C-alpha atoms as a PDB file:
ATOM      1  CA  UNK A   1       0.000   0.000   0.000  1.00  0.00           C
ATOM      2  CA  UNK A   2       1.582   3.241  -1.178  1.00  0.00           C
ATOM      3  CA  UNK A   3       1.235   6.506   0.713  1.00  0.00           C
ATOM      4  CA  UNK A   4       2.108   7.739   4.152  1.00  0.00           C
ATOM      5  CA  UNK A   5       2.173   5.340   7.099  1.00  0.00           C
ATOM      6  CA  UNK A   6      -0.653   6.309   9.430  1.00  0.00           C
ATOM      7  CA  UNK A   7      -1.776   5.367  12.942  1.00  0.00           C
ATOM      8  CA  UNK A   8      -5.200   3.719  13.128  1.00  0.00           C
ATOM      9  CA  UNK A   9      -6.856   3.501  16.563  1.00  0.00           C
ATOM     10  CA  UNK A  10      -9.703   1.028  17.051  1.00  0.00           C
ATOM     11  CA  UNK A  11     -11.526   1.111  20.379  1.00  0.00           C
ATOM     12  CA  UNK A  12     -14.635  -0.692  21.554  1.00  0.00           C
ATOM     13  CA  UNK A  13     -16.383  -3.062  23.898  1.00  0.00           C
ATOM     14  CA  UNK A  14     -15.192  -6.566  24.795  1.00  0.00           C
ATOM     15  CA  UNK A  15     -16.004  -9.124  22.083  1.00  0.00           C
ATOM     16  CA  UNK A  16     -17.339  -6.438  19.753  1.00  0.00           C
ATOM     17  CA  UNK A  17     -15.120  -7.720  16.948  1.00  0.00           C
ATOM     18  CA  UNK A  18     -12.575  -4.916  17.124  1.00  0.00           C
ATOM     19  CA  UNK A  19      -9.572  -7.260  17.119  1.00  0.00           C
ATOM     20  CA  UNK A  20     -10.868  -9.146  14.082  1.00  0.00           C
ATOM     21  CA  UNK A  21     -11.425  -5.878  12.246  1.00  0.00           C
ATOM     22  CA  UNK A  22      -8.023  -4.561  13.325  1.00  0.00           C
ATOM     23  CA  UNK A  23      -6.222  -7.722  12.175  1.00  0.00           C
ATOM     24  CA  UNK A  24      -8.031  -7.771   8.829  1.00  0.00           C
ATOM     25  CA  UNK A  25      -7.344  -4.075   8.252  1.00  0.00           C
ATOM     26  CA  UNK A  26      -3.677  -4.374   9.203  1.00  0.00           C
ATOM     27  CA  UNK A  27      -3.240  -7.328   6.827  1.00  0.00           C
ATOM     28  CA  UNK A  28      -4.944  -5.474   3.966  1.00  0.00           C
ATOM     29  CA  UNK A  29      -2.750  -2.399   4.484  1.00  0.00           C
ATOM     30  CA  UNK A  30       0.465  -4.288   5.186  1.00  0.00           C
ATOM     31  CA  UNK A  31       0.538  -2.696   8.651  1.00  0.00           C
ATOM     32  CA  UNK A  32       1.505  -4.031  12.070  1.00  0.00           C
ATOM     33  CA  UNK A  33      -1.409  -5.122  14.294  1.00  0.00           C
ATOM     34  CA  UNK A  34      -1.128  -4.472  18.044  1.00  0.00           C
ATOM     35  CA  UNK A  35      -3.704  -6.011  20.402  1.00  0.00           C
ATOM     36  CA  UNK A  36      -3.525  -3.909  23.579  1.00  0.00           C
ATOM     37  CA  UNK A  37      -6.267  -5.946  25.248  1.00  0.00           C
ATOM     38  CA  UNK A  38      -3.972  -8.967  25.071  1.00  0.00           C
ATOM     39  CA  UNK A  39      -1.300  -6.929  26.857  1.00  0.00           C
ATOM     40  CA  UNK A  40      -3.646  -6.275  29.787  1.00  0.00           C
ATOM     41  CA  UNK A  41      -4.554  -9.959  29.766  1.00  0.00           C
ATOM     42  CA  UNK A  42      -0.838 -10.758  29.849  1.00  0.00           C
ATOM     43  CA  UNK A  43      -0.328  -8.732  33.004  1.00  0.00           C
ATOM     44  CA  UNK A  44      -3.485 -10.274  34.462  1.00  0.00           C
ATOM     45  CA  UNK A  45      -2.058 -13.730  33.767  1.00  0.00           C
ATOM     46  CA  UNK A  46       1.192 -12.697  35.449  1.00  0.00           C
ATOM     47  CA  UNK A  47      -0.752 -11.514  38.507  1.00  0.00           C
ATOM     48  CA  UNK A  48      -2.767 -14.746  38.666  1.00  0.00           C
ATOM     49  CA  UNK A  49       0.303 -16.938  38.127  1.00  0.00           C
ATOM     50  CA  UNK A  50       2.227 -15.187  40.909  1.00  0.00           C
ATOM     51  CA  UNK A  51      -0.580 -15.366  43.461  1.00  0.00           C
ATOM     52  CA  UNK A  52      -1.504 -11.679  43.361  1.00  0.00           C
ATOM     53  CA  UNK A  53      -5.223 -12.491  42.969  1.00  0.00           C
ATOM     54  CA  UNK A  54      -7.104 -13.660  46.052  1.00  0.00           C
ATOM     55  CA  UNK A  55     -10.866 -13.867  46.684  1.00  0.00           C
ATOM     56  CA  UNK A  56     -11.519 -11.828  43.574  1.00  0.00           C
ATOM     57  CA  UNK A  57      -9.221  -9.005  44.686  1.00  0.00           C
ATOM     58  CA  UNK A  58      -5.896  -7.851  43.245  1.00  0.00           C
ATOM     59  CA  UNK A  59      -2.881  -7.341  45.501  1.00  0.00           C
ATOM     60  CA  UNK A  60      -2.127  -4.021  43.866  1.00  0.00           C
ATOM     61  CA  UNK A  61       1.086  -3.258  45.719  1.00  0.00           C
ATOM     62  CA  UNK A  62       2.630  -6.628  44.921  1.00  0.00           C
ATOM     63  CA  UNK A  63       1.734  -6.283  41.245  1.00  0.00           C
ATOM     64  CA  UNK A  64       2.989  -2.694  41.036  1.00  0.00           C
ATOM     65  CA  UNK A  65       6.308  -3.696  42.597  1.00  0.00           C
ATOM     66  CA  UNK A  66       6.647  -6.470  39.988  1.00  0.00           C
ATOM     67  CA  UNK A  67       5.909  -4.387  36.884  1.00  0.00           C
ATOM     68  CA  UNK A  68       9.566  -3.808  36.058  1.00  0.00           C
ATOM     69  CA  UNK A  69      10.045  -7.578  35.793  1.00  0.00           C
ATOM     70  CA  UNK A  70       7.330  -7.943  33.143  1.00  0.00           C
ATOM     71  CA  UNK A  71       8.305  -8.017  29.478  1.00  0.00           C
ATOM     72  CA  UNK A  72       5.620  -8.476  26.821  1.00  0.00           C
ATOM     73  CA  UNK A  73       6.077  -8.846  23.084  1.00  0.00           C
ATOM     74  CA  UNK A  74       4.065 -10.130  20.138  1.00  0.00           C
ATOM     75  CA  UNK A  75       5.023 -12.721  17.568  1.00  0.00           C
ATOM     76  CA  UNK A  76       3.783 -12.971  13.979  1.00  0.00           C
ATOM     77  CA  UNK A  77       0.110 -13.731  13.241  1.00  0.00           C
ATOM     78  CA  UNK A  78      -0.129 -17.499  12.770  1.00  0.00           C
ATOM     79  CA  UNK A  79      -2.164 -19.739  10.463  1.00  0.00           C
ATOM     80  CA  UNK A  80      -5.089 -19.637  12.924  1.00  0.00           C
ATOM     81  CA  UNK A  81      -5.151 -15.815  12.622  1.00  0.00           C
ATOM     82  CA  UNK A  82      -3.895 -15.531  16.211  1.00  0.00           C
ATOM     83  CA  UNK A  83      -1.366 -12.950  17.340  1.00  0.00           C
ATOM     84  CA  UNK A  84       0.994 -14.813  19.714  1.00  0.00           C
ATOM     85  CA  UNK A  85       1.793 -13.040  22.983  1.00  0.00           C
ATOM     86  CA  UNK A  86       4.936 -13.773  24.965  1.00  0.00           C
ATOM     87  CA  UNK A  87       5.403 -13.011  28.662  1.00  0.00           C
ATOM     88  CA  UNK A  88       9.075 -12.935  29.629  1.00  0.00           C
ATOM     89  CA  UNK A  89       9.875 -15.128  26.628  1.00  0.00           C
ATOM     90  CA  UNK A  90       7.112 -17.712  27.207  1.00  0.00           C
ATOM     91  CA  UNK A  91       4.094 -17.860  24.904  1.00  0.00           C
ATOM     92  CA  UNK A  92       0.787 -17.389  26.750  1.00  0.00           C
ATOM     93  CA  UNK A  93      -1.568 -16.870  23.786  1.00  0.00           C
ATOM     94  CA  UNK A  94      -4.129 -19.493  24.845  1.00  0.00           C
ATOM     95  CA  UNK A  95      -3.656 -19.032  28.585  1.00  0.00           C
ATOM     96  CA  UNK A  96      -4.838 -15.411  28.504  1.00  0.00           C
ATOM     97  CA  UNK A  97      -8.156 -16.308  26.832  1.00  0.00           C
ATOM     98  CA  UNK A  98      -9.622 -18.345  29.692  1.00  0.00           C
ATOM     99  CA  UNK A  99     -12.691 -17.298  31.674  1.00  0.00           C
ATOM    100  CA  UNK A 100     -10.463 -16.896  34.759  1.00  0.00           C
ATOM    101  CA  UNK A 101      -8.412 -14.198  33.063  1.00  0.00           C
ATOM    102  CA  UNK A 102     -11.499 -12.585  31.512  1.00  0.00           C
ATOM    103  CA  UNK A 103     -12.958 -12.236  35.013  1.00  0.00           C
ATOM    104  CA  UNK A 104      -9.988 -10.268  36.382  1.00  0.00           C
ATOM    105  CA  UNK A 105      -8.591  -8.284  33.454  1.00  0.00           C
ATOM    106  CA  UNK A 106     -10.821  -5.240  33.996  1.00  0.00           C
ATOM    107  CA  UNK A 107      -9.766  -5.089  37.670  1.00  0.00           C
ATOM    108  CA  UNK A 108      -6.100  -5.216  36.719  1.00  0.00           C
ATOM    109  CA  UNK A 109      -6.678  -2.572  34.056  1.00  0.00           C
ATOM    110  CA  UNK A 110      -8.029  -0.224  36.748  1.00  0.00           C
ATOM    111  CA  UNK A 111      -4.558   0.116  38.284  1.00  0.00           C
ATOM    112  CA  UNK A 112      -2.999   3.415  37.096  1.00  0.00           C
ATOM    113  CA  UNK A 113       0.566   2.073  37.271  1.00  0.00           C
ATOM    114  CA  UNK A 114      -0.371  -0.854  35.020  1.00  0.00           C
ATOM    115  CA  UNK A 115      -1.978   1.485  32.512  1.00  0.00           C
ATOM    116  CA  UNK A 116       1.007   3.840  32.584  1.00  0.00           C
ATOM    117  CA  UNK A 117       3.437   0.992  31.859  1.00  0.00           C
ATOM    118  CA  UNK A 118       1.398  -0.354  28.960  1.00  0.00           C
ATOM    119  CA  UNK A 119       0.599   3.054  27.459  1.00  0.00           C
ATOM    120  CA  UNK A 120       4.333   3.770  27.353  1.00  0.00           C
ATOM    121  CA  UNK A 121       4.976   0.434  25.631  1.00  0.00           C
ATOM    122  CA  UNK A 122       2.128   1.000  23.164  1.00  0.00           C
ATOM    123  CA  UNK A 123       3.308   4.475  22.196  1.00  0.00           C
ATOM    124  CA  UNK A 124       6.783   3.132  21.578  1.00  0.00           C
ATOM    125  CA  UNK A 125       5.387   0.353  19.381  1.00  0.00           C
ATOM    126  CA  UNK A 126       3.437   2.798  17.242  1.00  0.00           C
ATOM    127  CA  UNK A 127       5.646   5.860  17.127  1.00  0.00           C
ATOM    128  CA  UNK A 128       6.641   5.345  13.479  1.00  0.00           C
ATOM    129  CA  UNK A 129       3.113   4.780  12.178  1.00  0.00           C
ATOM    130  CA  UNK A 130       2.061   1.919   9.934  1.00  0.00           C
ATOM    131  CA  UNK A 131       0.063   0.335  12.755  1.00  0.00           C
ATOM    132  CA  UNK A 132      -3.472  -0.685  13.598  1.00  0.00           C
ATOM    133  CA  UNK A 133      -3.851  -0.711  17.386  1.00  0.00           C
ATOM    134  CA  UNK A 134      -6.996  -1.879  19.147  1.00  0.00           C
ATOM    135  CA  UNK A 135      -8.093  -1.499  22.749  1.00  0.00           C
ATOM    136  CA  UNK A 136     -10.269   0.697  24.931  1.00  0.00           C
ATOM    137  CA  UNK A 137      -8.355   3.970  25.220  1.00  0.00           C
ATOM    138  CA  UNK A 138      -6.261   4.104  22.047  1.00  0.00           C
ATOM    139  CA  UNK A 139      -8.015   7.037  20.407  1.00  0.00           C
ATOM    140  CA  UNK A 140      -8.545   8.910  23.676  1.00  0.00           C
ATOM    141  CA  UNK A 141      -5.299   8.323  25.615  1.00  0.00           C
ATOM    142  CA  UNK A 142      -2.602   6.323  23.823  1.00  0.00           C
ATOM    143  CA  UNK A 143      -2.834   8.087  20.450  1.00  0.00           C
ATOM    144  CA  UNK A 144      -5.317  10.986  20.780  1.00  0.00           C
ATOM    145  CA  UNK A 145      -3.928  12.372  17.506  1.00  0.00           C
ATOM    146  CA  UNK A 146      -4.308   9.107  15.586  1.00  0.00           C
ATOM    147  CA  UNK A 147      -4.920   9.648  11.875  1.00  0.00           C
ATOM    148  CA  UNK A 148      -8.034   7.449  11.878  1.00  0.00           C
ATOM    149  CA  UNK A 149     -10.186   6.413  14.840  1.00  0.00           C
ATOM    150  CA  UNK A 150     -12.910   3.775  14.838  1.00  0.00           C
ATOM    151  CA  UNK A 151     -15.197   2.886  17.754  1.00  0.00           C
ATOM    152  CA  UNK A 152     -16.578  -0.652  17.551  1.00  0.00           C
ATOM    153  CA  UNK A 153     -19.720  -1.846  19.300  1.00  0.00           C
ATOM    154  CA  UNK A 154     -22.379  -4.571  19.093  1.00  0.00           C
ATOM    155  CA  UNK A 155     -25.367  -5.721  21.133  1.00  0.00           C
ATOM    156  CA  UNK A 156     -24.450  -7.557  24.352  1.00  0.00           C
ATOM    157  CA  UNK A 157     -26.211 -10.765  23.232  1.00  0.00           C
ATOM    158  CA  UNK A 158     -24.251 -10.756  19.964  1.00  0.00           C
ATOM    159  CA  UNK A 159     -20.979 -10.217  21.794  1.00  0.00           C
ATOM    160  CA  UNK A 160     -21.740 -12.925  24.365  1.00  0.00           C
ATOM    161  CA  UNK A 161     -22.447 -15.467  21.621  1.00  0.00           C
ATOM    162  CA  UNK A 162     -19.140 -14.617  19.927  1.00  0.00           C
ATOM    163  CA  UNK A 163     -17.144 -14.958  23.141  1.00  0.00           C
ATOM    164  CA  UNK A 164     -18.992 -18.186  24.032  1.00  0.00           C
ATOM    165  CA  UNK A 165     -18.092 -19.763  20.688  1.00  0.00           C
ATOM    166  CA  UNK A 166     -14.479 -18.608  21.038  1.00  0.00           C
ATOM    167  CA  UNK A 167     -14.159 -20.042  24.545  1.00  0.00           C
ATOM    168  CA  UNK A 168     -15.752 -23.389  23.679  1.00  0.00           C
ATOM    169  CA  UNK A 169     -12.507 -24.337  21.924  1.00  0.00           C
ATOM    170  CA  UNK A 170     -10.708 -23.965  25.253  1.00  0.00           C
ATOM    171  CA  UNK A 171     -13.441 -25.085  27.662  1.00  0.00           C
ATOM    172  CA  UNK A 172     -16.377 -27.088  26.202  1.00  0.00           C
ATOM    173  CA  UNK A 173     -18.249 -26.703  29.518  1.00  0.00           C
ATOM    174  CA  UNK A 174     -18.372 -22.903  29.366  1.00  0.00           C
ATOM    175  CA  UNK A 175     -21.805 -21.419  30.170  1.00  0.00           C
ATOM    176  CA  UNK A 176     -23.348 -18.789  27.860  1.00  0.00           C
ATOM    177  CA  UNK A 177     -25.121 -16.913  30.661  1.00  0.00           C
ATOM    178  CA  UNK A 178     -21.896 -16.758  32.653  1.00  0.00           C
ATOM    179  CA  UNK A 179     -20.128 -15.319  29.609  1.00  0.00           C
ATOM    180  CA  UNK A 180     -22.867 -12.716  29.173  1.00  0.00           C
ATOM    181  CA  UNK A 181     -22.733 -11.735  32.843  1.00  0.00           C
ATOM    182  CA  UNK A 182     -18.954 -11.427  32.639  1.00  0.00           C
ATOM    183  CA  UNK A 183     -19.165  -9.153  29.605  1.00  0.00           C
ATOM    184  CA  UNK A 184     -21.832  -6.970  31.235  1.00  0.00           C
ATOM    185  CA  UNK A 185     -19.637  -6.522  34.302  1.00  0.00           C
ATOM    186  CA  UNK A 186     -16.604  -5.739  32.144  1.00  0.00           C
ATOM    187  CA  UNK A 187     -18.650  -3.112  30.295  1.00  0.00           C
ATOM    188  CA  UNK A 188     -19.597  -1.525  33.623  1.00  0.00           C
ATOM    189  CA  UNK A 189     -16.021  -1.450  34.904  1.00  0.00           C
ATOM    190  CA  UNK A 190     -14.517  -0.303  31.605  1.00  0.00           C
ATOM    191  CA  UNK A 191     -16.941   2.594  31.126  1.00  0.00           C
ATOM    192  CA  UNK A 192     -16.951   3.868  34.729  1.00  0.00           C
ATOM    193  CA  UNK A 193     -13.311   3.587  35.815  1.00  0.00           C
ATOM    194  CA  UNK A 194     -11.637   6.821  36.885  1.00  0.00           C
ATOM    195  CA  UNK A 195      -8.540   6.383  34.703  1.00  0.00           C
ATOM    196  CA  UNK A 196      -8.916   6.121  30.909  1.00  0.00           C
ATOM    197  CA  UNK A 197     -12.530   4.908  30.779  1.00  0.00           C
ATOM    198  CA  UNK A 198     -13.869   3.341  27.598  1.00  0.00           C
ATOM    199  CA  UNK A 199     -15.621   6.022  25.579  1.00  0.00           C
ATOM    200  CA  UNK A 200     -15.988   7.045  21.963  1.00  0.00           C
ATOM    201  CA  UNK A 201     -13.607   9.835  21.008  1.00  0.00           C
ATOM    202  CA  UNK A 202     -15.346  12.861  19.521  1.00  0.00           C
ATOM    203  CA  UNK A 203     -13.642  12.273  16.166  1.00  0.00           C
ATOM    204  CA  UNK A 204     -14.073   8.481  16.100  1.00  0.00           C
ATOM    205  CA  UNK A 205     -16.330   6.788  13.556  1.00  0.00           C
ATOM    206  CA  UNK A 206     -18.900   4.387  15.046  1.00  0.00           C
ATOM    207  CA  UNK A 207     -18.854   0.794  13.763  1.00  0.00           C
ATOM    208  CA  UNK A 208     -21.705  -1.528  14.826  1.00  0.00           C
ATOM    209  CA  UNK A 209     -20.348  -4.960  13.900  1.00  0.00           C
ATOM    210  CA  UNK A 210     -23.622  -6.615  14.810  1.00  0.00           C
ATOM    211  CA  UNK A 211     -25.092  -5.057  11.684  1.00  0.00           C
ATOM    212  CA  UNK A 212     -22.228  -5.818   9.282  1.00  0.00           C
ATOM    213  CA  UNK A 213     -20.543  -8.879   7.882  1.00  0.00           C
ATOM    214  CA  UNK A 214     -16.819  -9.304   8.409  1.00  0.00           C
ATOM    215  CA  UNK A 215     -16.282  -8.523   4.719  1.00  0.00           C
ATOM    216  CA  UNK A 216     -18.341  -5.321   4.817  1.00  0.00           C
ATOM    217  CA  UNK A 217     -16.569  -4.172   7.989  1.00  0.00           C
ATOM    218  CA  UNK A 218     -13.202  -4.487   6.282  1.00  0.00           C
ATOM    219  CA  UNK A 219     -14.431  -2.869   3.063  1.00  0.00           C
ATOM    220  CA  UNK A 220     -15.783   0.170   4.918  1.00  0.00           C
ATOM    221  CA  UNK A 221     -12.736   0.522   7.172  1.00  0.00           C
ATOM    222  CA  UNK A 222     -10.324   0.112   4.258  1.00  0.00           C
ATOM    223  CA  UNK A 223     -12.075   2.843   2.295  1.00  0.00           C
ATOM    224  CA  UNK A 224     -11.782   5.202   5.277  1.00  0.00           C
ATOM    225  CA  UNK A 225      -8.104   4.351   5.738  1.00  0.00           C
ATOM    226  CA  UNK A 226      -7.294   4.855   2.055  1.00  0.00           C
ATOM    227  CA  UNK A 227      -8.868   8.314   2.102  1.00  0.00           C
ATOM    228  CA  UNK A 228      -6.617   9.342   4.999  1.00  0.00           C
ATOM    229  CA  UNK A 229      -3.508   7.752   3.499  1.00  0.00           C
ATOM    230  CA  UNK A 230      -4.036   9.454   0.156  1.00  0.00           C
ATOM    231  CA  UNK A 231      -5.085  12.838   1.588  1.00  0.00           C
END
């Protein structure tokens, strides 16, 4: 793809399809895809693995004191269209997608020190442009001057069905209602937290993926990106 290398920020609700759209768009443009949600899941996995989660609460001080020992990096998108995530050199791609991690990631993401560490990493990853970065505060906090911002949403029932089908590959006994309840709680935490809440930036374009096919999502997003690149 000829033209300038731009920064594309894609924000939205859990299981709204933003990562799928971001990956498809990055592939079509020849850009780098960065899944910031996976980074928060990676730190959540670290916290769980090191015993910093007890009775549904995070030992904030212990996690904060350990942040300097956490190194996260992505591999290359594989044949399953997954973006491998490595924590201190060990791949944790599947481990971060369990219901256990889904239940705690929003709590971990509330911690300002965690957000500060990851925002710094994310800005470094995208400083030269040519990226599609998805998350919950990319267009509002990480890259408020991003060249193109999209805000992705979908009905809760649609999102719950998607997450349920995704998780069945890991845990065939997963319960749909539990998944829906988990997503509803994540929505509440993400939109009401004091630091970097999930919200649509004033200059972001709304994408309701419940009303579009995967192909039409990509077509629309690609047209928007090409206009910015060629401007």
